[in-house]
PDB file of N, CA and C in Angstrom:
ATOM      1  N   MET A   1      89.329  84.597  83.417  1.00  0.00           N
ATOM      2  CA  MET A   1      88.219  84.886  82.531  1.00  0.00           C
ATOM      3  C   MET A   1      88.659  84.609  81.102  1.00  0.00           C
ATOM      4  N   ASN A   2      87.867  83.863  80.403  1.00  0.00           N
ATOM      5  CA  ASN A   2      88.232  83.443  79.058  1.00  0.00           C
ATOM      6  C   ASN A   2      87.647  84.300  77.954  1.00  0.00           C
ATOM      7  N   ASP A   3      86.708  85.174  78.254  1.00  0.00           N
ATOM      8  CA  ASP A   3      86.018  85.927  77.213  1.00  0.00           C
ATOM      9  C   ASP A   3      86.569  87.346  77.045  1.00  0.00           C
ATOM     10  N   MET A   4      87.879  87.479  77.169  1.00  0.00           N
ATOM     11  CA  MET A   4      88.527  88.781  77.075  1.00  0.00           C
ATOM     12  C   MET A   4      89.372  88.864  75.797  1.00  0.00           C
ATOM     13  N   PRO A   5      89.567  90.081  75.282  1.00  0.00           N
ATOM     14  CA  PRO A   5      90.488  90.243  74.148  1.00  0.00           C
ATOM     15  C   PRO A   5      91.896  89.805  74.535  1.00  0.00           C
ATOM     16  N   ASP A   6      92.735  89.592  73.542  1.00  0.00           N
ATOM     17  CA  ASP A   6      94.085  89.080  73.783  1.00  0.00           C
ATOM     18  C   ASP A   6      94.924  89.975  74.688  1.00  0.00           C
ATOM     19  N   ASN A   7      94.680  91.276  74.656  1.00  0.00           N
ATOM     20  CA  ASN A   7      95.489  92.203  75.455  1.00  0.00           C
ATOM     21  C   ASN A   7      94.926  92.460  76.851  1.00  0.00           C
ATOM     22  N   VAL A   8      93.899  91.707  77.227  1.00  0.00           N
ATOM     23  CA  VAL A   8      93.266  91.890  78.533  1.00  0.00           C
ATOM     24  C   VAL A   8      93.367  90.597  79.339  1.00  0.00           C
ATOM     25  N   LEU A   9      93.882  90.733  80.559  1.00  0.00           N
ATOM     26  CA  LEU A   9      93.888  89.612  81.485  1.00  0.00           C
ATOM     27  C   LEU A   9      92.777  89.838  82.490  1.00  0.00           C
ATOM     28  N   GLY A  10      91.845  88.925  82.545  1.00  0.00           N
ATOM     29  CA  GLY A  10      90.751  88.987  83.504  1.00  0.00           C
ATOM     30  C   GLY A  10      90.951  87.937  84.573  1.00  0.00           C
ATOM     31  N   ALA A  11      90.873  88.356  85.829  1.00  0.00           N
ATOM     32  CA  ALA A  11      91.062  87.432  86.951  1.00  0.00           C
ATOM     33  C   ALA A  11      90.012  87.712  88.010  1.00  0.00           C
ATOM     34  N   THR A  12      89.467  86.640  88.577  1.00  0.00           N
ATOM     35  CA  THR A  12      88.494  86.743  89.659  1.00  0.00           C
ATOM     36  C   THR A  12      89.061  86.077  90.890  1.00  0.00           C
ATOM     37  N   GLY A  13      88.920  86.747  92.020  1.00  0.00           N
ATOM     38  CA  GLY A  13      89.351  86.183  93.290  1.00  0.00           C
ATOM     39  C   GLY A  13      88.194  86.138  94.269  1.00  0.00           C
ATOM     40  N   ASP A  14      88.068  85.033  94.940  1.00  0.00           N
ATOM     41  CA  ASP A  14      87.060  84.869  95.986  1.00  0.00           C
ATOM     42  C   ASP A  14      87.732  84.269  97.205  1.00  0.00           C
ATOM     43  N   GLY A  15      87.118  84.446  98.360  1.00  0.00           N
ATOM     44  CA  GLY A  15      87.713  83.939  99.584  1.00  0.00           C
ATOM     45  C   GLY A  15      88.941  84.743  99.932  1.00  0.00           C
ATOM     46  N   LYS A  16      89.899  84.097 100.594  1.00  0.00           N
ATOM     47  CA  LYS A  16      91.152  84.754 100.970  1.00  0.00           C
ATOM     48  C   LYS A  16      92.171  84.525  99.865  1.00  0.00           C
ATOM     49  N   ILE A  17      92.777  85.606  99.367  1.00  0.00           N
ATOM     50  CA  ILE A  17      93.770  85.526  98.306  1.00  0.00           C
ATOM     51  C   ILE A  17      95.132  85.288  98.968  1.00  0.00           C
ATOM     52  N   THR A  18      95.811  84.234  98.536  1.00  0.00           N
ATOM     53  CA  THR A  18      97.059  83.821  99.171  1.00  0.00           C
ATOM     54  C   THR A  18      98.266  84.059  98.274  1.00  0.00           C
ATOM     55  N   GLU A  19      99.441  83.947  98.869  1.00  0.00           N
ATOM     56  CA  GLU A  19     100.685  84.018  98.113  1.00  0.00           C
ATOM     57  C   GLU A  19     100.704  82.914  97.054  1.00  0.00           C
ATOM     58  N   ALA A  20     100.223  81.741  97.415  1.00  0.00           N
ATOM     59  CA  ALA A  20     100.180  80.625  96.464  1.00  0.00           C
ATOM     60  C   ALA A  20      99.294  80.958  95.268  1.00  0.00           C
ATOM     61  N   ASP A  21      98.194  81.679  95.501  1.00  0.00           N
ATOM     62  CA  ASP A  21      97.324  82.100  94.393  1.00  0.00           C
ATOM     63  C   ASP A  21      98.093  82.972  93.415  1.00  0.00           C
ATOM     64  N   TYR A  22      98.863  83.904  93.940  1.00  0.00           N
ATOM     65  CA  TYR A  22      99.657  84.779  93.077  1.00  0.00           C
ATOM     66  C   TYR A  22     100.725  83.994  92.342  1.00  0.00           C
ATOM     67  N   GLU A  23     101.457  83.161  93.071  1.00  0.00           N
ATOM     68  CA  GLU A  23     102.593  82.473  92.478  1.00  0.00           C
ATOM     69  C   GLU A  23     102.200  81.366  91.508  1.00  0.00           C
ATOM     70  N   SER A  24     101.034  80.760  91.698  1.00  0.00           N
ATOM     71  CA  SER A  24     100.652  79.657  90.815  1.00  0.00           C
ATOM     72  C   SER A  24      99.625  80.057  89.755  1.00  0.00           C
ATOM     73  N   VAL A  25      98.944  81.187  89.941  1.00  0.00           N
ATOM     74  CA  VAL A  25      97.894  81.567  88.993  1.00  0.00           C
ATOM     75  C   VAL A  25      98.145  82.945  88.378  1.00  0.00           C
ATOM     76  N   LEU A  26      98.114  83.982  89.196  1.00  0.00           N
ATOM     77  CA  LEU A  26      98.100  85.341  88.643  1.00  0.00           C
ATOM     78  C   LEU A  26      99.433  85.745  88.009  1.00  0.00           C
ATOM     79  N   ILE A  27     100.534  85.557  88.694  1.00  0.00           N
ATOM     80  CA  ILE A  27     101.824  85.962  88.130  1.00  0.00           C
ATOM     81  C   ILE A  27     102.132  85.211  86.833  1.00  0.00           C
ATOM     82  N   PRO A  28     101.957  83.878  86.783  1.00  0.00           N
ATOM     83  CA  PRO A  28     102.191  83.198  85.500  1.00  0.00           C
ATOM     84  C   PRO A  28     101.263  83.691  84.386  1.00  0.00           C
ATOM     85  N   ALA A  29     100.016  84.014  84.722  1.00  0.00           N
ATOM     86  CA  ALA A  29      99.081  84.512  83.707  1.00  0.00           C
ATOM     87  C   ALA A  29      99.526  85.870  83.180  1.00  0.00           C
ATOM     88  N   VAL A  30     100.000  86.740  84.068  1.00  0.00           N
ATOM     89  CA  VAL A  30     100.509  88.053  83.652  1.00  0.00           C
ATOM     90  C   VAL A  30     101.722  87.879  82.742  1.00  0.00           C
ATOM     91  N   GLU A  31     102.662  87.052  83.175  1.00  0.00           N
ATOM     92  CA  GLU A  31     103.880  86.842  82.379  1.00  0.00           C
ATOM     93  C   GLU A  31     103.551  86.251  81.007  1.00  0.00           C
ATOM     94  N   GLU A  32     102.580  85.369  80.947  1.00  0.00           N
ATOM     95  CA  GLU A  32     102.169  84.777  79.671  1.00  0.00           C
ATOM     96  C   GLU A  32     101.577  85.839  78.746  1.00  0.00           C
ATOM     97  N   LYS A  33     100.759  86.731  79.286  1.00  0.00           N
ATOM     98  CA  LYS A  33     100.177  87.815  78.476  1.00  0.00           C
ATOM     99  C   LYS A  33     101.261  88.717  77.911  1.00  0.00           C
ATOM    100  N   PHE A  34     102.291  89.002  78.726  1.00  0.00           N
ATOM    101  CA  PHE A  34     103.358  89.890  78.265  1.00  0.00           C
ATOM    102  C   PHE A  34     104.228  89.254  77.192  1.00  0.00           C
ATOM    103  N   LYS A  35     104.160  87.944  77.024  1.00  0.00           N
ATOM    104  CA  LYS A  35     104.917  87.299  75.948  1.00  0.00           C
ATOM    105  C   LYS A  35     104.388  87.709  74.577  1.00  0.00           C
ATOM    106  N   SER A  36     103.093  88.007  74.498  1.00  0.00           N
ATOM    107  CA  SER A  36     102.499  88.346  73.202  1.00  0.00           C
ATOM    108  C   SER A  36     101.969  89.780  73.126  1.00  0.00           C
ATOM    109  N   ASN A  37     102.155  90.567  74.186  1.00  0.00           N
ATOM    110  CA  ASN A  37     101.672  91.948  74.212  1.00  0.00           C
ATOM    111  C   ASN A  37     102.687  92.841  74.909  1.00  0.00           C
ATOM    112  N   LYS A  38     102.995  93.990  74.302  1.00  0.00           N
ATOM    113  CA  LYS A  38     103.904  94.945  74.958  1.00  0.00           C
ATOM    114  C   LYS A  38     103.224  95.618  76.143  1.00  0.00           C
ATOM    115  N   LYS A  39     101.923  95.842  76.009  1.00  0.00           N
ATOM    116  CA  LYS A  39     101.122  96.431  77.080  1.00  0.00           C
ATOM    117  C   LYS A  39      99.889  95.569  77.253  1.00  0.00           C
ATOM    118  N   ILE A  40      99.467  95.414  78.494  1.00  0.00           N
ATOM    119  CA  ILE A  40      98.235  94.666  78.747  1.00  0.00           C
ATOM    120  C   ILE A  40      97.318  95.470  79.664  1.00  0.00           C
ATOM    121  N   ARG A  41      96.072  95.072  79.649  1.00  0.00           N
ATOM    122  CA  ARG A  41      95.059  95.621  80.540  1.00  0.00           C
ATOM    123  C   ARG A  41      94.715  94.537  81.552  1.00  0.00           C
ATOM    124  N   LEU A  42      94.509  94.965  82.790  1.00  0.00           N
ATOM    125  CA  LEU A  42      94.172  94.024  83.858  1.00  0.00           C
ATOM    126  C   LEU A  42      92.769  94.314  84.364  1.00  0.00           C
ATOM    127  N   PHE A  43      91.940  93.289  84.346  1.00  0.00           N
ATOM    128  CA  PHE A  43      90.587  93.350  84.898  1.00  0.00           C
ATOM    129  C   PHE A  43      90.598  92.439  86.119  1.00  0.00           C
ATOM    130  N   TYR A  44      90.668  93.054  87.298  1.00  0.00           N
ATOM    131  CA  TYR A  44      90.819  92.294  88.544  1.00  0.00           C
ATOM    132  C   TYR A  44      89.521  92.385  89.329  1.00  0.00           C
ATOM    133  N   HIS A  45      88.822  91.269  89.403  1.00  0.00           N
ATOM    134  CA  HIS A  45      87.512  91.207  90.044  1.00  0.00           C
ATOM    135  C   HIS A  45      87.623  90.461  91.374  1.00  0.00           C
ATOM    136  N   LEU A  46      87.314  91.153  92.454  1.00  0.00           N
ATOM    137  CA  LEU A  46      87.249  90.519  93.772  1.00  0.00           C
ATOM    138  C   LEU A  46      85.773  90.320  94.071  1.00  0.00           C
ATOM    139  N   GLY A  47      85.336  89.083  93.954  1.00  0.00           N
ATOM    140  CA  GLY A  47      83.921  88.754  94.055  1.00  0.00           C
ATOM    141  C   GLY A  47      83.319  89.005  95.425  1.00  0.00           C
ATOM    142  N   THR A  48      82.030  88.764  95.519  1.00  0.00           N
ATOM    143  CA  THR A  48      81.307  89.027  96.768  1.00  0.00           C
ATOM    144  C   THR A  48      81.761  88.108  97.893  1.00  0.00           C
ATOM    145  N   GLY A  49      82.428  87.011  97.551  1.00  0.00           N
ATOM    146  CA  GLY A  49      82.956  86.107  98.565  1.00  0.00           C
ATOM    147  C   GLY A  49      84.369  86.446  99.013  1.00  0.00           C
ATOM    148  N   PHE A  50      84.945  87.517  98.481  1.00  0.00           N
ATOM    149  CA  PHE A  50      86.303  87.937  98.840  1.00  0.00           C
ATOM    150  C   PHE A  50      86.369  88.282 100.328  1.00  0.00           C
ATOM    151  N   THR A  51      87.402  87.722 101.013  1.00  0.00           N
ATOM    152  CA  THR A  51      87.549  87.976 102.452  1.00  0.00           C
ATOM    153  C   THR A  51      88.866  88.638 102.816  1.00  0.00           C
ATOM    154  N   GLY A  52      89.737  88.856 101.839  1.00  0.00           N
ATOM    155  CA  GLY A  52      90.978  89.565 102.130  1.00  0.00           C
ATOM    156  C   GLY A  52      92.177  88.938 101.462  1.00  0.00           C
ATOM    157  N   PHE A  53      93.326  89.591 101.687  1.00  0.00           N
ATOM    158  CA  PHE A  53      94.615  89.151 101.152  1.00  0.00           C
ATOM    159  C   PHE A  53      95.531  88.738 102.289  1.00  0.00           C
ATOM    160  N   GLU A  54      96.307  87.694 102.080  1.00  0.00           N
ATOM    161  CA  GLU A  54      97.443  87.445 102.962  1.00  0.00           C
ATOM    162  C   GLU A  54      98.442  88.575 102.720  1.00  0.00           C
ATOM    163  N   LEU A  55      99.203  88.943 103.735  1.00  0.00           N
ATOM    164  CA  LEU A  55     100.203  89.989 103.582  1.00  0.00           C
ATOM    165  C   LEU A  55     101.176  89.648 102.465  1.00  0.00           C
ATOM    166  N   SER A  56     101.598  88.389 102.394  1.00  0.00           N
ATOM    167  CA  SER A  56     102.543  87.982 101.349  1.00  0.00           C
ATOM    168  C   SER A  56     101.929  88.115  99.956  1.00  0.00           C
ATOM    169  N   ALA A  57     100.620  87.927  99.829  1.00  0.00           N
ATOM    170  CA  ALA A  57      99.951  88.116  98.540  1.00  0.00           C
ATOM    171  C   ALA A  57      99.939  89.593  98.167  1.00  0.00           C
ATOM    172  N   MET A  58      99.748  90.458  99.154  1.00  0.00           N
ATOM    173  CA  MET A  58      99.783  91.898  98.889  1.00  0.00           C
ATOM    174  C   MET A  58     101.168  92.331  98.424  1.00  0.00           C
ATOM    175  N   LEU A  59     102.196  91.747  99.012  1.00  0.00           N
ATOM    176  CA  LEU A  59     103.561  92.056  98.593  1.00  0.00           C
ATOM    177  C   LEU A  59     103.816  91.564  97.170  1.00  0.00           C
ATOM    178  N   ASP A  60     103.332  90.357  96.849  1.00  0.00           N
ATOM    179  CA  ASP A  60     103.456  89.840  95.479  1.00  0.00           C
ATOM    180  C   ASP A  60     102.740  90.757  94.489  1.00  0.00           C
ATOM    181  N   ASP A  61     101.590  91.267  94.883  1.00  0.00           N
ATOM    182  CA  ASP A  61     100.827  92.169  94.042  1.00  0.00           C
ATOM    183  C   ASP A  61     101.632  93.438  93.759  1.00  0.00           C
ATOM    184  N   ALA A  62     102.213  94.010  94.798  1.00  0.00           N
ATOM    185  CA  ALA A  62     103.010  95.231  94.639  1.00  0.00           C
ATOM    186  C   ALA A  62     104.231  94.981  93.762  1.00  0.00           C
ATOM    187  N   LYS A  63     104.914  93.861  93.970  1.00  0.00           N
ATOM    188  CA  LYS A  63     106.098  93.543  93.161  1.00  0.00           C
ATOM    189  C   LYS A  63     105.721  93.360  91.695  1.00  0.00           C
ATOM    190  N   MET A  64     104.614  92.666  91.450  1.00  0.00           N
ATOM    191  CA  MET A  64     104.169  92.434  90.084  1.00  0.00           C
ATOM    192  C   MET A  64     103.816  93.757  89.417  1.00  0.00           C
ATOM    193  N   GLY A  65     103.118  94.620  90.132  1.00  0.00           N
ATOM    194  CA  GLY A  65     102.738  95.911  89.582  1.00  0.00           C
ATOM    195  C   GLY A  65     103.936  96.762  89.233  1.00  0.00           C
ATOM    196  N   MET A  66     104.915  96.798  90.122  1.00  0.00           N
ATOM    197  CA  MET A  66     106.102  97.615  89.891  1.00  0.00           C
ATOM    198  C   MET A  66     107.023  97.022  88.817  1.00  0.00           C
ATOM    199  N   LYS A  67     107.096  95.701  88.755  1.00  0.00           N
ATOM    200  CA  LYS A  67     107.948  95.057  87.739  1.00  0.00           C
ATOM    201  C   LYS A  67     107.529  95.481  86.336  1.00  0.00           C
ATOM    202  N   HIS A  68     106.238  95.636  86.135  1.00  0.00           N
ATOM    203  CA  HIS A  68     105.700  95.962  84.822  1.00  0.00           C
ATOM    204  C   HIS A  68     105.099  97.371  84.798  1.00  0.00           C
ATOM    205  N   LEU A  69     105.595  98.246  85.633  1.00  0.00           N
ATOM    206  CA  LEU A  69     104.993  99.559  85.858  1.00  0.00           C
ATOM    207  C   LEU A  69     104.602 100.286  84.577  1.00  0.00           C
ATOM    208  N   THR A  70     105.474 100.310  83.600  1.00  0.00           N
ATOM    209  CA  THR A  70     105.182 101.057  82.375  1.00  0.00           C
ATOM    210  C   THR A  70     104.511 100.205  81.302  1.00  0.00           C
ATOM    211  N   SER A  71     104.204  98.964  81.623  1.00  0.00           N
ATOM    212  CA  SER A  71     103.617  98.053  80.633  1.00  0.00           C
ATOM    213  C   SER A  71     102.121  97.838  80.804  1.00  0.00           C
ATOM    214  N   TRP A  72     101.528  98.472  81.796  1.00  0.00           N
ATOM    215  CA  TRP A  72     100.077  98.371  81.983  1.00  0.00           C
ATOM    216  C   TRP A  72      99.418  99.415  81.097  1.00  0.00           C
ATOM    217  N   ASP A  73      98.390  99.019  80.369  1.00  0.00           N
ATOM    218  CA  ASP A  73      97.647  99.936  79.514  1.00  0.00           C
ATOM    219  C   ASP A  73      96.464 100.540  80.272  1.00  0.00           C
ATOM    220  N   ARG A  74      95.735  99.704  80.993  1.00  0.00           N
ATOM    221  CA  ARG A  74      94.613 100.111  81.845  1.00  0.00           C
ATOM    222  C   ARG A  74      94.475  99.063  82.939  1.00  0.00           C
ATOM    223  N   ILE A  75      93.936  99.490  84.065  1.00  0.00           N
ATOM    224  CA  ILE A  75      93.629  98.551  85.146  1.00  0.00           C
ATOM    225  C   ILE A  75      92.240  98.877  85.671  1.00  0.00           C
ATOM    226  N   ALA A  76      91.405  97.850  85.761  1.00  0.00           N
ATOM    227  CA  ALA A  76      90.087  97.983  86.366  1.00  0.00           C
ATOM    228  C   ALA A  76      90.025  97.035  87.555  1.00  0.00           C
ATOM    229  N   LEU A  77      89.713  97.574  88.710  1.00  0.00           N
ATOM    230  CA  LEU A  77      89.506  96.765  89.910  1.00  0.00           C
ATOM    231  C   LEU A  77      88.026  96.793  90.218  1.00  0.00           C
ATOM    232  N   VAL A  78      87.431  95.616  90.366  1.00  0.00           N
ATOM    233  CA  VAL A  78      86.024  95.504  90.723  1.00  0.00           C
ATOM    234  C   VAL A  78      85.956  94.870  92.094  1.00  0.00           C
ATOM    235  N   SER A  79      85.501  95.639  93.075  1.00  0.00           N
ATOM    236  CA  SER A  79      85.518  95.166  94.459  1.00  0.00           C
ATOM    237  C   SER A  79      84.540  95.971  95.304  1.00  0.00           C
ATOM    238  N   ASP A  80      83.966  95.314  96.293  1.00  0.00           N
ATOM    239  CA  ASP A  80      83.117  95.999  97.265  1.00  0.00           C
ATOM    240  C   ASP A  80      83.853  96.256  98.572  1.00  0.00           C
ATOM    241  N   ASP A  81      85.129  95.871  98.643  1.00  0.00           N
ATOM    242  CA  ASP A  81      85.914  96.046  99.867  1.00  0.00           C
ATOM    243  C   ASP A  81      86.433  97.484  99.925  1.00  0.00           C
ATOM    244  N   SER A  82      85.942  98.276 100.853  1.00  0.00           N
ATOM    245  CA  SER A  82      86.283  99.699 100.896  1.00  0.00           C
ATOM    246  C   SER A  82      87.760  99.933 101.177  1.00  0.00           C
ATOM    247  N   MET A  83      88.401  99.097 101.988  1.00  0.00           N
ATOM    248  CA  MET A  83      89.815  99.284 102.267  1.00  0.00           C
ATOM    249  C   MET A  83      90.659  98.988 101.021  1.00  0.00           C
ATOM    250  N   ILE A  84      90.364  97.903 100.328  1.00  0.00           N
ATOM    251  CA  ILE A  84      91.086  97.561  99.094  1.00  0.00           C
ATOM    252  C   ILE A  84      90.882  98.660  98.052  1.00  0.00           C
ATOM    253  N   ASN A  85      89.657  99.139  97.930  1.00  0.00           N
ATOM    254  CA  ASN A  85      89.377 100.191  96.955  1.00  0.00           C
ATOM    255  C   ASN A  85      90.128 101.480  97.305  1.00  0.00           C
ATOM    256  N   SER A  86      90.236 101.798  98.581  1.00  0.00           N
ATOM    257  CA  SER A  86      90.984 102.986  99.011  1.00  0.00           C
ATOM    258  C   SER A  86      92.463 102.840  98.692  1.00  0.00           C
ATOM    259  N   PHE A  87      93.039 101.668  98.999  1.00  0.00           N
ATOM    260  CA  PHE A  87      94.439 101.413  98.655  1.00  0.00           C
ATOM    261  C   PHE A  87      94.655 101.550  97.153  1.00  0.00           C
ATOM    262  N   ALA A  88      93.744 100.982  96.369  1.00  0.00           N
ATOM    263  CA  ALA A  88      93.874 101.025  94.914  1.00  0.00           C
ATOM    264  C   ALA A  88      93.795 102.457  94.396  1.00  0.00           C
ATOM    265  N   ARG A  89      92.911 103.260  94.969  1.00  0.00           N
ATOM    266  CA  ARG A  89      92.831 104.667  94.554  1.00  0.00           C
ATOM    267  C   ARG A  89      94.137 105.393  94.868  1.00  0.00           C
ATOM    268  N   PHE A  90      94.676 105.156  96.067  1.00  0.00           N
ATOM    269  CA  PHE A  90      95.906 105.811  96.488  1.00  0.00           C
ATOM    270  C   PHE A  90      97.086 105.392  95.618  1.00  0.00           C
ATOM    271  N   PHE A  91      97.307 104.090  95.504  1.00  0.00           N
ATOM    272  CA  PHE A  91      98.455 103.588  94.760  1.00  0.00           C
ATOM    273  C   PHE A  91      98.254 103.679  93.249  1.00  0.00           C
ATOM    274  N   GLY A  92      97.011 103.760  92.806  1.00  0.00           N
ATOM    275  CA  GLY A  92      96.730 103.883  91.383  1.00  0.00           C
ATOM    276  C   GLY A  92      97.327 105.133  90.771  1.00  0.00           C
ATOM    277  N   HIS A  93      97.520 106.167  91.586  1.00  0.00           N
ATOM    278  CA  HIS A  93      98.115 107.413  91.090  1.00  0.00           C
ATOM    279  C   HIS A  93      99.596 107.250  90.751  1.00  0.00           C
ATOM    280  N   MET A  94     100.205 106.164  91.213  1.00  0.00           N
ATOM    281  CA  MET A  94     101.615 105.903  90.914  1.00  0.00           C
ATOM    282  C   MET A  94     101.806 105.270  89.536  1.00  0.00           C
ATOM    283  N   PHE A  95     100.736 104.743  88.981  1.00  0.00           N
ATOM    284  CA  PHE A  95     100.811 104.062  87.695  1.00  0.00           C
ATOM    285  C   PHE A  95     100.652 105.060  86.563  1.00  0.00           C
ATOM    286  N   PRO A  96     101.423 104.892  85.489  1.00  0.00           N
ATOM    287  CA  PRO A  96     101.290 105.801  84.355  1.00  0.00           C
ATOM    288  C   PRO A  96     100.046 105.529  83.512  1.00  0.00           C
ATOM    289  N   CYS A  97      99.330 104.461  83.822  1.00  0.00           N
ATOM    290  CA  CYS A  97      98.104 104.139  83.091  1.00  0.00           C
ATOM    291  C   CYS A  97      96.890 104.566  83.921  1.00  0.00           C
ATOM    292  N   GLU A  98      95.740 104.528  83.273  1.00  0.00           N
ATOM    293  CA  GLU A  98      94.500 104.847  83.981  1.00  0.00           C
ATOM    294  C   GLU A  98      94.068 103.638  84.812  1.00  0.00           C
ATOM    295  N   VAL A  99      93.708 103.905  86.063  1.00  0.00           N
ATOM    296  CA  VAL A  99      93.208 102.885  86.977  1.00  0.00           C
ATOM    297  C   VAL A  99      91.817 103.316  87.418  1.00  0.00           C
ATOM    298  N   ARG A 100      90.854 102.446  87.228  1.00  0.00           N
ATOM    299  CA  ARG A 100      89.475 102.742  87.650  1.00  0.00           C
ATOM    300  C   ARG A 100      89.017 101.688  88.643  1.00  0.00           C
ATOM    301  N   ILE A 101      88.238 102.147  89.619  1.00  0.00           N
ATOM    302  CA  ILE A 101      87.707 101.283  90.662  1.00  0.00           C
ATOM    303  C   ILE A 101      86.187 101.208  90.489  1.00  0.00           C
ATOM    304  N   TYR A 102      85.674  99.985  90.526  1.00  0.00           N
ATOM    305  CA  TYR A 102      84.249  99.755  90.368  1.00  0.00           C
ATOM    306  C   TYR A 102      83.738  98.873  91.513  1.00  0.00           C
ATOM    307  N   LYS A 103      82.473  98.977  91.788  1.00  0.00           N
ATOM    308  CA  LYS A 103      81.792  98.075  92.725  1.00  0.00           C
ATOM    309  C   LYS A 103      81.345  96.835  91.945  1.00  0.00           C
ATOM    310  N   ASN A 104      81.057  95.752  92.667  1.00  0.00           N
ATOM    311  CA  ASN A 104      80.606  94.524  92.005  1.00  0.00           C
ATOM    312  C   ASN A 104      79.337  94.749  91.186  1.00  0.00           C
ATOM    313  N   ALA A 105      78.482  95.646  91.629  1.00  0.00           N
ATOM    314  CA  ALA A 105      77.252  95.948  90.885  1.00  0.00           C
ATOM    315  C   ALA A 105      77.563  96.608  89.542  1.00  0.00           C
ATOM    316  N   GLU A 106      78.795  97.123  89.374  1.00  0.00           N
ATOM    317  CA  GLU A 106      79.211  97.795  88.146  1.00  0.00           C
ATOM    318  C   GLU A 106      80.106  96.910  87.275  1.00  0.00           C
ATOM    319  N   PHE A 107      80.060  95.616  87.523  1.00  0.00           N
ATOM    320  CA  PHE A 107      80.911  94.647  86.817  1.00  0.00           C
ATOM    321  C   PHE A 107      80.843  94.833  85.302  1.00  0.00           C
ATOM    322  N   ASP A 108      79.621  94.894  84.750  1.00  0.00           N
ATOM    323  CA  ASP A 108      79.471  95.003  83.295  1.00  0.00           C
ATOM    324  C   ASP A 108      80.058  96.301  82.759  1.00  0.00           C
ATOM    325  N   GLU A 109      79.876  97.398  83.493  1.00  0.00           N
ATOM    326  CA  GLU A 109      80.440  98.688  83.095  1.00  0.00           C
ATOM    327  C   GLU A 109      81.977  98.617  83.086  1.00  0.00           C
ATOM    328  N   ALA A 110      82.544  97.979  84.109  1.00  0.00           N
ATOM    329  CA  ALA A 110      83.995  97.836  84.203  1.00  0.00           C
ATOM    330  C   ALA A 110      84.520  96.991  83.043  1.00  0.00           C
ATOM    331  N   LYS A 111      83.830  95.913  82.749  1.00  0.00           N
ATOM    332  CA  LYS A 111      84.249  95.031  81.663  1.00  0.00           C
ATOM    333  C   LYS A 111      84.187  95.754  80.320  1.00  0.00           C
ATOM    334  N   LYS A 112      83.164  96.558  80.136  1.00  0.00           N
ATOM    335  CA  LYS A 112      83.032  97.320  78.891  1.00  0.00           C
ATOM    336  C   LYS A 112      84.194  98.310  78.769  1.00  0.00           C
ATOM    337  N   TRP A 113      84.555  98.987  79.874  1.00  0.00           N
ATOM    338  CA  TRP A 113      85.647  99.959  79.835  1.00  0.00           C
ATOM    339  C   TRP A 113      86.988  99.281  79.542  1.00  0.00           C
ATOM    340  N   ILE A 114      87.264  98.171  80.204  1.00  0.00           N
ATOM    341  CA  ILE A 114      88.569  97.532  80.057  1.00  0.00           C
ATOM    342  C   ILE A 114      88.749  96.908  78.675  1.00  0.00           C
ATOM    343  N   THR A 115      87.658  96.549  78.022  1.00  0.00           N
ATOM    344  CA  THR A 115      87.764  95.890  76.728  1.00  0.00           C
ATOM    345  C   THR A 115      87.581  96.826  75.541  1.00  0.00           C
ATOM    346  N   CYS A 116      87.149  98.069  75.787  1.00  0.00           N
ATOM    347  CA  CYS A 116      86.898  98.984  74.654  1.00  0.00           C
ATOM    348  C   CYS A 116      88.231  99.463  74.071  1.00  0.00           C
ATOM    349  N   ALA A 117      88.176  99.824  72.805  1.00  0.00           N
ATOM    350  CA  ALA A 117      89.384 100.281  72.101  1.00  0.00           C
ATOM    351  C   ALA A 117      89.788 101.620  72.606  1.00  0.00           C
TER     352      ALA A 117
END
């Protein structure tokens, strides 16, 4: 997503999210944001076409989250997948930042929260 403040990384995933998606898109984007920001906010949108994660992509996600554990300012997950949302609620308590879960119908509300001062 290009219409985000400098400290916010916005990413949309559709279809099946793969290890290659993480290694070629999301991880480099996160690392690039951290070059110019001590803390960043993540706006992770899993669109209506989202069909799941490869196991290796889930592992990459966990490694990325833990590598920067204290460097996240806020995380917003926008998804209609009840299992993903449940995992995010459970694991979100491990993060020292606020993590909020939204449905796709609440996209604008989530975007407003992640970008507000």
